[in-house]
Amino acid sequence: MNISAPFIHRPVMTTVVMAALLVFGMFAYTALPVSELPSVDFPTINVSASLPGANPETMASSVATPLERQFSTIAGVTSMNSTNTTGNTNITLQFDLSRNIDAAAQDVQTAISQSIRQLPVNMPTPPTLRKVNPADYGIIYLALTGNSIPLTKLDEYAETRVAEELSQINGVAQVLVFGSYQYAARIYINPYALSARGLSLDAVASAIQNNNTNLPSGTLYGSAHTYTVHSNGQLMDADAYNHMIVAYQNGAPVHLSDIGYARDGIQQDKQLTTYSNANDDHGKLRPAVVLAVKRQPGANTVAVTNAVKALLPSLTREAPGDTVIHVLYNRADFIQGSIGEVRTTLLLAIMLVIGVIFMFLRNLRATLISALALPTSVIGTFAIMQLAGFSLDNLSLMALTLAVGFVVDDAIVVLENIVRYREHGEPSMRAALLGSREIGFTVVSMTLSLVAVFIPILFMGGIVGRLFSEFAMTVGIAILISGFVSLTLTPMLCSRFLKESERHGRLYILLEKGFDRARDTYRS
């Protein structure tokens, strides 16, 4: 049985199959996502809980401990870390790589529900969870600064406009805001004035809560009309808090300004995020709001960052005051640089392989026939990578670079056997049929045995296995495609383009003399 015979007798069909492989591969190449490394999702869940006013020791004993006791019963938990600060608890659960993240989230939610009765009753909200990926870093960081605009206005524009606009870009998963300057009225109480009037801090807190509400006031029904009573009970600035009535004593109101004062401020006044640029005002530190953009799994990092940068001019024009948006960090620059280096290495490897083939075959037609297996195999691999959900990253391109030396082996073996029959006087068509039939099983066994070398890498466990599985599959796909090309395209080209007889030129004779000298030297 001759596997190559149908392709030798039908050159149009063979050409169409190879052209389709090239076309699909080139289209897939443009659609493949670009990233630094293969996408590996770590099944990790973060649980956060808050209890305003509680110190870290109280948060650890009354909030973190009951939750951790329930979480320890969940199957598949490999590590559990908790961080307790003033009023906040964060617990990070790392699961086994084989555990489904959605099923793990359901188990965590069930554990939270079971621990509700053991948690403090005065918690404002129950603990919440979210699925996170520690390897999912921000791909681009932006800094918003302004010289004259208030920081609260800067933060409002960053959170309500910039973050929302960036979140709508295709491929953006989340936009995080760092260095928030959200508005807050801060109230300072004089303990001596408070004691002189016989009031307590709880009474002041209750008065603030009761006077700062936004609840429906009811409806008035008339004979012909119905009126909805509208009242705005919210206090919007510090001056409104100063005029707020805390209590009544001896028939006279006690205002907040009688026992203290309120001042306009921000919620987090113990932290400061700054930005400096050596080319701008000699590197002066300025308060800034920083935005981190995270991409969706499988999204093209370079395309997402380019879309974000394309939106920045319009956001800058619409920004209030003298707001300026700076690009702090763009991971696409590093990715494009590293991917470019690997592409250059891949092209150099292809050129070197073709040069070595020509040096030993010393025949331009034979070199082109065997070298055509290179672009066909590499470009065809992109189509399978697209179907498999792979990406263009350092490991997949390294796999293609490594495969360059393998994909031409089968074609050279087939070509050499066909040339041997032709040198024995057989016509090109018959030499192609005889040579391909004789070597067909050998090529299949060579291809499969070479692919089998990378099977252990494919079944490696842990994070390393997740990263290198794409590498092993890419090499295997390229080798399989090269075996198919060597049994179809190569013998077909040999049957049409190899000359019956050929006069050797000066370069052939010169190289032949050099090989003969090397052979004689080795023999001696």
Protein backbone atom coordinates (compact mmCIF):
# COMPACT_ATOMS: atom_id res chain seq x y z
CA MET A 1 0.00 0.00 0.00
CA ASN A 2 1.32 3.42 -0.98
CA ILE A 3 -0.07 6.25 1.13
CA SER A 4 1.43 8.87 -1.16
CA ALA A 5 0.11 7.47 -4.46
CA PRO A 6 -3.25 9.35 -4.48
CA PHE A 7 -1.47 12.63 -3.80
CA ILE A 8 1.16 11.96 -6.49
CA HIS A 9 -1.47 11.19 -9.15
CA ARG A 10 -3.63 14.18 -8.11
CA PRO A 11 -1.36 17.21 -7.89
CA VAL A 12 -4.26 19.69 -7.97
CA MET A 13 -5.89 18.07 -4.95
CA THR A 14 -2.57 18.03 -3.09
CA THR A 15 -1.95 21.68 -3.91
CA VAL A 16 -5.44 22.68 -2.75
CA VAL A 17 -5.03 20.78 0.55
CA MET A 18 -1.70 22.45 1.23
CA ALA A 19 -3.05 25.88 0.24
CA ALA A 20 -6.02 25.42 2.56
CA LEU A 21 -3.64 24.50 5.39
CA LEU A 22 -1.60 27.64 4.74
CA VAL A 23 -4.62 29.94 4.46
CA PHE A 24 -6.26 28.67 7.63
CA GLY A 25 -2.94 28.88 9.43
CA MET A 26 -2.34 32.49 8.40
CA PHE A 27 -5.84 33.53 9.45
CA ALA A 28 -5.41 31.72 12.76
CA TYR A 29 -2.08 33.46 13.31
CA THR A 30 -3.76 36.87 13.18
CA ALA A 31 -6.51 35.72 15.57
CA LEU A 32 -4.32 33.99 18.16
CA PRO A 33 -4.14 35.85 21.49
CA VAL A 34 -0.72 37.20 22.41
CA SER A 35 0.55 36.82 25.95
CA GLU A 36 3.76 36.25 27.84
CA LEU A 37 2.99 32.71 29.05
CA PRO A 38 0.17 30.20 28.53
CA SER A 39 -3.01 31.00 30.42
CA VAL A 40 -3.09 28.96 33.64
CA ASP A 41 -6.04 29.45 35.97
CA PHE A 42 -5.28 28.86 39.63
CA PRO A 43 -8.44 27.87 41.55
CA THR A 44 -8.24 30.54 44.23
CA ILE A 45 -11.05 32.17 46.22
CA ASN A 46 -10.81 35.27 48.38
CA VAL A 47 -13.26 35.79 51.26
CA SER A 48 -13.56 39.24 52.83
CA ALA A 49 -15.46 40.32 55.93
CA SER A 50 -15.73 43.66 57.73
CA LEU A 51 -16.53 44.72 61.29
CA PRO A 52 -15.95 48.47 61.64
CA GLY A 53 -14.05 49.49 64.75
CA ALA A 54 -12.69 46.05 65.64
CA ASN A 55 -8.95 45.70 66.15
CA PRO A 56 -6.95 42.97 64.34
CA GLU A 57 -6.99 40.66 67.39
CA THR A 58 -10.78 40.85 67.58
CA MET A 59 -11.11 40.24 63.84
CA ALA A 60 -8.84 37.18 64.08
CA SER A 61 -10.67 35.61 67.03
CA SER A 62 -14.31 36.49 66.29
CA VAL A 63 -14.39 36.57 62.47
CA ALA A 64 -11.42 34.74 60.94
CA THR A 65 -11.38 31.74 63.31
CA PRO A 66 -15.04 30.65 62.79
CA LEU A 67 -14.66 31.01 59.02
CA GLU A 68 -11.38 29.10 58.90
CA ARG A 69 -12.91 26.31 60.98
CA GLN A 70 -15.62 25.83 58.38
CA PHE A 71 -13.28 26.26 55.39
CA SER A 72 -10.95 23.53 56.68
CA THR A 73 -13.68 20.94 56.04
CA ILE A 74 -13.83 21.72 52.29
CA ALA A 75 -12.21 19.08 50.09
CA GLY A 76 -9.31 20.07 47.88
CA VAL A 77 -7.99 23.03 49.92
CA THR A 78 -4.19 23.10 49.61
CA SER A 79 -3.51 26.31 51.54
CA MET A 80 -5.45 28.88 53.56
CA ASN A 81 -4.05 32.29 54.52
CA SER A 82 -5.81 35.02 56.48
CA THR A 83 -4.93 38.68 56.96
CA ASN A 84 -6.56 40.70 59.72
CA THR A 85 -6.47 44.48 59.91
CA THR A 86 -8.54 47.06 61.70
CA GLY A 87 -12.12 46.29 60.78
CA ASN A 88 -11.29 43.88 57.92
CA THR A 89 -10.48 40.21 57.41
CA ASN A 90 -9.28 38.64 54.15
CA ILE A 91 -8.97 34.87 53.77
CA THR A 92 -7.37 33.37 50.65
CA LEU A 93 -8.18 29.74 49.82
CA GLN A 94 -5.94 27.91 47.33
CA PHE A 95 -7.40 24.72 45.87
CA ASP A 96 -5.87 21.81 44.05
CA LEU A 97 -5.33 22.47 40.33
CA SER A 98 -7.72 19.67 39.43
CA ARG A 99 -10.56 21.25 41.44
CA ASN A 100 -13.28 23.06 39.51
CA ILE A 101 -13.37 26.70 40.63
CA ASP A 102 -17.17 26.99 40.33
CA ALA A 103 -17.78 23.93 42.49
CA ALA A 104 -15.24 25.20 45.01
CA ALA A 105 -17.03 28.55 45.16
CA GLN A 106 -20.30 26.81 45.97
CA ASP A 107 -18.63 24.89 48.80
CA VAL A 108 -17.13 28.10 50.18
CA GLN A 109 -20.51 29.86 50.06
CA THR A 110 -22.09 26.95 51.93
CA ALA A 111 -19.37 27.15 54.59
CA ILE A 112 -19.99 30.89 54.99
CA SER A 113 -23.72 30.26 55.47
CA GLN A 114 -23.01 27.64 58.12
CA SER A 115 -20.74 30.00 60.06
CA ILE A 116 -23.13 32.99 60.12
CA ARG A 117 -24.45 32.15 63.60
CA GLN A 118 -20.91 32.06 64.99
CA LEU A 119 -20.00 35.52 63.63
CA PRO A 120 -20.66 38.82 65.47
CA VAL A 121 -24.24 40.01 65.11
CA ASN A 122 -23.23 43.62 64.49
CA MET A 123 -21.43 42.91 61.20
CA PRO A 124 -22.83 45.32 58.59
CA THR A 125 -22.82 42.69 55.82
CA PRO A 126 -22.16 38.93 55.66
CA PRO A 127 -18.76 37.77 54.40
CA THR A 128 -18.42 37.85 50.61
CA LEU A 129 -16.32 35.78 48.22
CA ARG A 130 -14.87 36.28 44.77
CA LYS A 131 -12.89 34.06 42.44
CA VAL A 132 -9.39 35.37 41.84
CA ASN A 133 -6.35 34.27 39.89
CA PRO A 134 -3.01 35.16 41.51
CA ALA A 135 -1.34 34.91 38.11
CA ASP A 136 -3.80 37.36 36.56
CA TYR A 137 -1.84 40.59 36.88
CA GLY A 138 -2.73 44.01 35.55
CA ILE A 139 -1.70 44.46 31.94
CA ILE A 140 -1.68 48.26 31.99
CA TYR A 141 -1.58 50.77 34.85
CA LEU A 142 -2.81 54.35 34.53
CA ALA A 143 -2.27 57.33 36.85
CA LEU A 144 -4.59 60.36 37.02
CA THR A 145 -3.06 63.59 38.33
CA GLY A 146 -4.07 67.23 38.50
CA ASN A 147 -2.53 70.40 39.89
CA SER A 148 -5.62 72.43 40.74
CA ILE A 149 -8.49 69.93 40.74
CA PRO A 150 -9.56 68.61 44.19
CA LEU A 151 -8.58 65.03 44.85
CA THR A 152 -12.20 64.05 45.52
CA LYS A 153 -13.22 65.28 42.04
CA LEU A 154 -10.25 63.44 40.54
CA ASP A 155 -11.29 60.21 42.28
CA GLU A 156 -14.92 60.66 41.23
CA TYR A 157 -13.93 61.02 37.57
CA ALA A 158 -11.58 58.02 37.79
CA GLU A 159 -14.15 55.69 39.33
CA THR A 160 -17.36 56.82 37.65
CA ARG A 161 -16.08 57.60 34.16
CA VAL A 162 -12.63 56.24 33.39
CA ALA A 163 -13.07 52.87 35.10
CA GLU A 164 -16.50 52.35 33.54
CA GLU A 165 -15.30 53.29 30.04
CA LEU A 166 -12.33 50.95 30.29
CA SER A 167 -14.49 48.10 31.61
CA GLN A 168 -16.55 48.20 28.42
CA ILE A 169 -13.54 47.41 26.21
CA ASN A 170 -13.68 43.93 24.74
CA GLY A 171 -11.25 41.71 26.65
CA VAL A 172 -11.13 43.76 29.87
CA ALA A 173 -12.17 41.73 32.91
CA GLN A 174 -11.80 44.23 35.73
CA VAL A 175 -10.51 47.73 36.48
CA LEU A 176 -9.11 48.19 39.98
CA VAL A 177 -8.73 51.62 41.60
CA PHE A 178 -5.80 52.29 43.94
CA GLY A 179 -5.24 55.43 45.98
CA SER A 180 -8.94 56.21 46.29
CA TYR A 181 -9.86 59.71 47.48
CA GLN A 182 -13.58 59.24 48.00
CA TYR A 183 -15.28 62.13 49.77
CA ALA A 184 -16.12 61.79 53.47
CA ALA A 185 -17.08 64.26 56.19
CA ARG A 186 -14.86 63.67 59.22
CA ILE A 187 -16.31 64.59 62.62
CA TYR A 188 -14.16 65.54 65.61
CA ILE A 189 -15.77 65.54 69.07
CA ASN A 190 -14.55 67.47 72.11
CA PRO A 191 -14.83 65.01 75.04
CA TYR A 192 -15.00 67.81 77.63
CA ALA A 193 -17.88 69.56 75.86
CA LEU A 194 -19.57 66.19 75.47
CA SER A 195 -19.23 65.37 79.17
CA ALA A 196 -20.43 68.83 80.25
CA ARG A 197 -23.72 68.23 78.43
CA GLY A 198 -24.13 64.69 79.71
CA LEU A 199 -23.94 63.12 76.26
CA SER A 200 -22.12 59.99 75.07
CA LEU A 201 -20.47 59.02 71.81
CA ASP A 202 -23.23 56.48 71.18
CA ALA A 203 -25.81 59.27 71.39
CA VAL A 204 -23.84 61.32 68.88
CA ALA A 205 -23.48 58.32 66.54
CA SER A 206 -27.21 57.62 66.75
CA ALA A 207 -28.03 61.25 66.04
CA ILE A 208 -25.77 61.27 62.97
CA GLN A 209 -27.38 58.08 61.68
CA ASN A 210 -30.94 59.32 62.27
CA ASN A 211 -30.31 62.73 60.70
CA ASN A 212 -28.56 61.36 57.63
CA THR A 213 -31.18 59.14 56.01
CA ASN A 214 -32.73 58.92 52.61
CA LEU A 215 -36.04 57.13 53.14
CA PRO A 216 -39.47 57.59 51.52
CA SER A 217 -41.55 60.20 53.34
CA GLY A 218 -44.97 58.91 52.29
CA THR A 219 -47.89 60.01 50.11
CA LEU A 220 -50.66 62.59 50.58
CA TYR A 221 -54.02 61.65 49.12
CA GLY A 222 -56.42 64.44 48.19
CA SER A 223 -59.88 64.42 46.72
CA ALA A 224 -58.60 65.02 43.21
CA HIS A 225 -54.79 64.67 43.39
CA THR A 226 -52.21 62.46 45.04
CA TYR A 227 -48.90 63.94 46.16
CA THR A 228 -45.68 62.11 46.87
CA VAL A 229 -43.78 63.78 49.69
CA HIS A 230 -40.16 64.37 48.71
CA SER A 231 -37.60 65.09 51.39
CA ASN A 232 -33.84 64.88 51.21
CA GLY A 233 -32.47 63.86 54.56
CA GLN A 234 -28.91 63.31 53.44
CA LEU A 235 -26.16 65.61 54.65
CA MET A 236 -23.89 66.33 51.71
CA ASP A 237 -21.07 68.39 53.23
CA ALA A 238 -19.36 69.21 56.52
CA ASP A 239 -21.29 72.47 57.00
CA ALA A 240 -24.57 70.53 57.08
CA TYR A 241 -23.16 68.29 59.82
CA ASN A 242 -22.11 71.32 61.89
CA HIS A 243 -25.71 72.57 61.95
CA MET A 244 -27.12 69.15 62.79
CA ILE A 245 -29.06 68.85 66.06
CA VAL A 246 -27.63 66.14 68.29
CA ALA A 247 -30.03 66.42 71.24
CA TYR A 248 -32.34 68.78 73.14
CA GLN A 249 -31.51 69.95 76.64
CA ASN A 250 -33.74 72.27 78.69
CA GLY A 251 -35.76 72.93 75.57
CA ALA A 252 -32.74 74.15 73.60
CA PRO A 253 -31.13 72.22 70.73
CA VAL A 254 -27.54 71.03 71.01
CA HIS A 255 -25.83 71.31 67.64
CA LEU A 256 -22.80 69.33 66.58
CA SER A 257 -20.82 72.56 66.46
CA ASP A 258 -21.42 72.92 70.23
CA ILE A 259 -19.55 69.72 71.06
CA GLY A 260 -17.12 69.47 68.13
CA TYR A 261 -16.86 70.20 64.44
CA ALA A 262 -17.06 68.50 61.02
CA ARG A 263 -14.54 68.91 58.23
CA ASP A 264 -14.56 67.91 54.56
CA GLY A 265 -12.10 65.09 53.93
CA ILE A 266 -11.59 61.69 52.36
CA GLN A 267 -12.37 58.20 53.58
CA GLN A 268 -8.80 56.89 53.63
CA ASP A 269 -6.74 59.74 55.03
CA LYS A 270 -3.90 57.53 56.30
CA GLN A 271 -2.62 56.60 52.85
CA LEU A 272 -1.28 58.54 49.90
CA THR A 273 -0.65 57.40 46.33
CA THR A 274 1.80 59.56 44.39
CA TYR A 275 3.11 59.76 40.84
CA SER A 276 6.31 61.27 39.52
CA ASN A 277 7.75 61.69 36.06
CA ALA A 278 11.35 62.69 35.44
CA ASN A 279 10.31 64.56 32.29
CA ASP A 280 7.53 66.44 34.04
CA ASP A 281 8.38 69.12 36.62
CA HIS A 282 11.71 67.47 37.52
CA GLY A 283 10.14 64.34 39.00
CA LYS A 284 7.97 66.09 41.57
CA LEU A 285 5.72 63.77 43.55
CA ARG A 286 2.03 64.41 43.01
CA PRO A 287 -1.06 62.78 44.53
CA ALA A 288 -2.61 60.42 42.00
CA VAL A 289 -5.36 57.90 41.47
CA VAL A 290 -4.01 54.68 39.93
CA LEU A 291 -6.10 52.33 37.78
CA ALA A 292 -5.07 48.73 37.03
CA VAL A 293 -6.67 47.04 34.02
CA LYS A 294 -6.94 43.23 34.07
CA ARG A 295 -7.71 41.20 30.97
CA GLN A 296 -10.15 38.35 30.55
CA PRO A 297 -8.72 34.80 30.30
CA GLY A 298 -7.64 34.10 26.73
CA ALA A 299 -7.83 37.75 25.65
CA ASN A 300 -5.11 39.27 23.50
CA THR A 301 -2.96 41.33 25.85
CA VAL A 302 -1.51 43.50 23.11
CA ALA A 303 -4.92 44.19 21.52
CA VAL A 304 -6.48 45.08 24.87
CA THR A 305 -3.70 47.50 25.81
CA ASN A 306 -3.86 49.13 22.39
CA ALA A 307 -7.62 49.61 22.81
CA VAL A 308 -7.06 51.17 26.24
CA LYS A 309 -4.41 53.55 24.90
CA ALA A 310 -6.68 54.52 21.99
CA LEU A 311 -9.37 55.58 24.47
CA LEU A 312 -7.07 57.76 26.60
CA PRO A 313 -7.11 60.91 24.38
CA SER A 314 -10.91 61.21 24.53
CA LEU A 315 -10.92 60.57 28.29
CA THR A 316 -8.28 63.28 28.75
CA ARG A 317 -10.28 65.81 26.72
CA GLU A 318 -13.41 65.16 28.79
CA ALA A 319 -11.58 65.19 32.13
CA PRO A 320 -12.41 67.99 34.57
CA GLY A 321 -9.90 70.76 35.22
CA ASP A 322 -6.28 70.04 34.40
CA THR A 323 -6.54 66.26 34.83
CA VAL A 324 -3.84 64.33 32.99
CA ILE A 325 -3.85 60.56 32.40
CA HIS A 326 -0.40 58.94 32.44
CA VAL A 327 0.56 55.40 31.45
CA LEU A 328 2.49 54.01 34.40
CA TYR A 329 3.18 50.55 33.07
CA ASN A 330 2.27 48.69 29.90
CA ARG A 331 2.97 44.97 29.92
CA ALA A 332 2.35 44.77 26.18
CA ASP A 333 5.71 46.47 25.57
CA PHE A 334 7.58 43.66 27.32
CA ILE A 335 5.44 40.98 25.67
CA GLN A 336 5.93 42.45 22.19
CA GLY A 337 9.68 42.70 22.79
CA SER A 338 10.05 39.12 24.04
CA ILE A 339 7.74 37.70 21.37
CA GLY A 340 9.66 39.67 18.73
CA GLU A 341 12.94 38.15 19.89
CA VAL A 342 11.49 34.64 19.71
CA ARG A 343 10.09 35.33 16.22
CA THR A 344 13.51 36.52 15.09
CA THR A 345 15.06 33.35 16.49
CA LEU A 346 12.44 31.29 14.65
CA LEU A 347 13.21 33.00 11.33
CA LEU A 348 16.96 32.57 11.83
CA ALA A 349 16.45 28.89 12.62
CA ILE A 350 14.45 28.43 9.40
CA MET A 351 17.16 30.17 7.37
CA LEU A 352 19.93 28.10 8.94
CA VAL A 353 18.06 24.84 8.36
CA ILE A 354 17.46 25.70 4.70
CA GLY A 355 21.14 26.66 4.34
CA VAL A 356 22.31 23.36 5.81
CA ILE A 357 19.92 21.43 3.54
CA PHE A 358 21.25 23.22 0.48
CA MET A 359 24.86 22.64 1.52
CA PHE A 360 24.37 18.89 1.72
CA LEU A 361 21.91 18.35 -1.12
CA ARG A 362 23.70 20.82 -3.38
CA ASN A 363 20.60 21.05 -5.53
CA LEU A 364 18.31 24.07 -5.62
CA ARG A 365 15.21 22.15 -6.69
CA ALA A 366 15.71 19.44 -4.07
CA THR A 367 16.35 22.08 -1.41
CA LEU A 368 13.15 23.97 -2.22
CA ILE A 369 11.09 20.74 -2.24
CA SER A 370 12.30 19.71 1.20
CA ALA A 371 12.28 23.26 2.58
CA LEU A 372 8.58 23.72 1.69
CA ALA A 373 7.79 21.40 4.59
CA LEU A 374 8.98 24.14 6.96
CA PRO A 375 6.46 26.94 6.29
CA THR A 376 3.65 24.48 5.64
CA SER A 377 4.17 22.72 8.96
CA VAL A 378 4.74 25.87 11.02
CA ILE A 379 1.88 27.88 9.54
CA GLY A 380 -0.45 24.87 9.63
CA THR A 381 0.32 24.49 13.33
CA PHE A 382 -1.22 27.92 13.97
CA ALA A 383 -4.60 26.65 12.75
CA ILE A 384 -4.57 23.74 15.22
CA MET A 385 -3.38 26.08 17.99
CA GLN A 386 -6.39 28.30 17.35
CA LEU A 387 -8.75 25.33 17.57
CA ALA A 388 -7.09 24.14 20.78
CA GLY A 389 -7.35 27.56 22.44
CA PHE A 390 -3.61 28.18 22.62
CA SER A 391 -1.90 31.55 22.48
CA LEU A 392 1.22 33.05 20.93
CA ASP A 393 3.57 33.15 23.88
CA ASN A 394 7.19 32.45 24.68
CA LEU A 395 6.63 28.73 25.25
CA SER A 396 4.56 28.04 22.13
CA LEU A 397 6.97 29.97 19.91
CA MET A 398 9.89 28.21 21.58
CA ALA A 399 8.17 24.93 20.70
CA LEU A 400 7.94 25.99 17.05
CA THR A 401 11.59 27.05 17.08
CA LEU A 402 12.54 23.63 18.43
CA ALA A 403 10.32 21.90 15.88
CA VAL A 404 12.06 23.62 12.96
CA GLY A 405 14.87 21.09 13.15
CA PHE A 406 12.40 18.20 13.25
CA VAL A 407 9.85 19.05 10.58
CA VAL A 408 12.30 18.77 7.68
CA ASP A 409 13.63 15.35 8.67
CA ASP A 410 10.78 13.35 7.17
CA ALA A 411 10.78 15.39 3.96
CA ILE A 412 14.54 14.88 3.54
CA VAL A 413 14.22 11.13 4.10
CA VAL A 414 11.48 10.87 1.46
CA LEU A 415 13.37 13.13 -0.95
CA GLU A 416 16.62 11.20 -0.58
CA ASN A 417 14.95 7.88 -1.29
CA ILE A 418 13.19 9.25 -4.38
CA VAL A 419 16.46 10.78 -5.64
CA ARG A 420 18.16 7.41 -5.19
CA TYR A 421 15.66 5.75 -7.52
CA ARG A 422 15.98 8.54 -10.03
CA GLU A 423 19.78 8.20 -10.06
CA HIS A 424 19.26 4.53 -10.85
CA GLY A 425 17.57 5.57 -14.08
CA GLU A 426 13.91 5.56 -13.05
CA PRO A 427 11.65 8.36 -14.40
CA SER A 428 10.61 11.01 -11.89
CA MET A 429 7.01 9.75 -11.61
CA ARG A 430 8.00 6.14 -11.07
CA ALA A 431 10.85 7.14 -8.74
CA ALA A 432 8.37 9.11 -6.63
CA LEU A 433 5.93 6.18 -6.45
CA LEU A 434 8.61 3.60 -5.62
CA GLY A 435 10.51 5.79 -3.18
CA SER A 436 7.45 6.96 -1.24
CA ARG A 437 6.01 3.43 -1.03
CA GLU A 438 9.27 2.02 0.29
CA ILE A 439 9.79 4.74 2.90
CA GLY A 440 6.14 5.44 3.86
CA PHE A 441 5.95 3.16 6.90
CA THR A 442 9.37 4.35 8.06
CA VAL A 443 8.23 7.99 7.95
CA VAL A 444 5.08 7.16 9.92
CA SER A 445 7.07 5.30 12.59
CA MET A 446 9.64 8.12 12.77
CA THR A 447 6.93 10.72 13.21
CA LEU A 448 5.04 8.82 15.90
CA SER A 449 8.20 7.92 17.82
CA LEU A 450 9.32 11.56 17.80
CA VAL A 451 5.92 12.71 19.05
CA ALA A 452 6.04 10.06 21.77
CA VAL A 453 9.15 11.73 23.22
CA PHE A 454 7.02 14.72 24.31
CA ILE A 455 4.14 12.72 25.77
CA PRO A 456 5.65 12.65 29.32
CA ILE A 457 5.79 16.45 29.30
CA LEU A 458 2.12 16.52 28.32
CA PHE A 459 1.13 14.49 31.39
CA MET A 460 3.26 16.35 33.92
CA GLY A 461 1.33 17.46 36.99
CA GLY A 462 1.27 20.69 38.94
CA ILE A 463 1.81 24.22 37.71
CA VAL A 464 4.85 23.25 35.62
CA GLY A 465 2.76 20.66 33.81
CA ARG A 466 0.04 23.22 33.11
CA LEU A 467 2.59 25.60 31.61
CA PHE A 468 4.47 23.06 29.48
CA SER A 469 1.47 21.07 28.22
CA GLU A 470 0.95 23.71 25.54
CA PHE A 471 4.64 23.47 24.65
CA ALA A 472 4.49 19.68 24.24
CA MET A 473 1.28 19.77 22.22
CA THR A 474 2.62 22.48 19.88
CA VAL A 475 5.75 20.46 19.12
CA GLY A 476 3.71 17.32 18.59
CA ILE A 477 1.25 19.07 16.26
CA ALA A 478 4.07 20.53 14.15
CA ILE A 479 5.76 17.13 13.85
CA LEU A 480 2.52 15.38 12.86
CA ILE A 481 1.80 18.00 10.20
CA SER A 482 5.35 17.66 8.88
CA GLY A 483 4.86 13.89 8.58
CA PHE A 484 1.67 14.46 6.60
CA VAL A 485 3.40 16.99 4.34
CA SER A 486 6.35 14.67 3.70
CA LEU A 487 4.01 11.89 2.54
CA THR A 488 1.84 14.13 0.35
CA LEU A 489 3.42 17.34 -0.88
CA THR A 490 7.05 16.19 -1.03
CA PRO A 491 6.58 13.12 -3.29
CA MET A 492 4.16 15.07 -5.50
CA LEU A 493 6.72 17.82 -6.04
CA CYS A 494 9.45 15.25 -6.64
CA SER A 495 7.37 13.60 -9.36
CA ARG A 496 6.95 16.94 -11.18
CA PHE A 497 10.04 19.02 -10.58
CA LEU A 498 13.02 16.70 -10.17
CA LYS A 499 15.03 16.55 -13.40
CA GLU A 500 15.75 13.24 -15.12
CA SER A 501 19.39 14.06 -15.60
CA GLU A 502 21.37 16.92 -14.32
CA ARG A 503 24.81 18.39 -14.94
CA HIS A 504 26.55 19.41 -11.77
CA GLY A 505 27.83 22.95 -11.50
CA ARG A 506 30.98 24.34 -9.96
CA LEU A 507 29.41 24.77 -6.50
CA TYR A 508 28.34 21.13 -6.47
CA ILE A 509 31.80 19.97 -7.47
CA LEU A 510 33.47 22.25 -4.91
CA LEU A 511 31.29 21.02 -2.06
CA GLU A 512 31.67 17.43 -3.19
CA LYS A 513 35.46 17.73 -3.02
CA GLY A 514 35.18 19.17 0.48
CA PHE A 515 32.98 16.28 1.64
CA ASP A 516 35.39 13.78 0.08
CA ARG A 517 38.34 15.32 1.94
CA ALA A 518 36.39 15.22 5.21
CA ARG A 519 35.48 11.56 4.56
CA ASP A 520 39.10 10.64 3.77
CA THR A 521 40.35 12.45 6.86
CA TYR A 522 37.86 10.62 9.04
CA ARG A 523 38.78 7.29 7.41
CA SER A 524 42.50 7.80 8.09
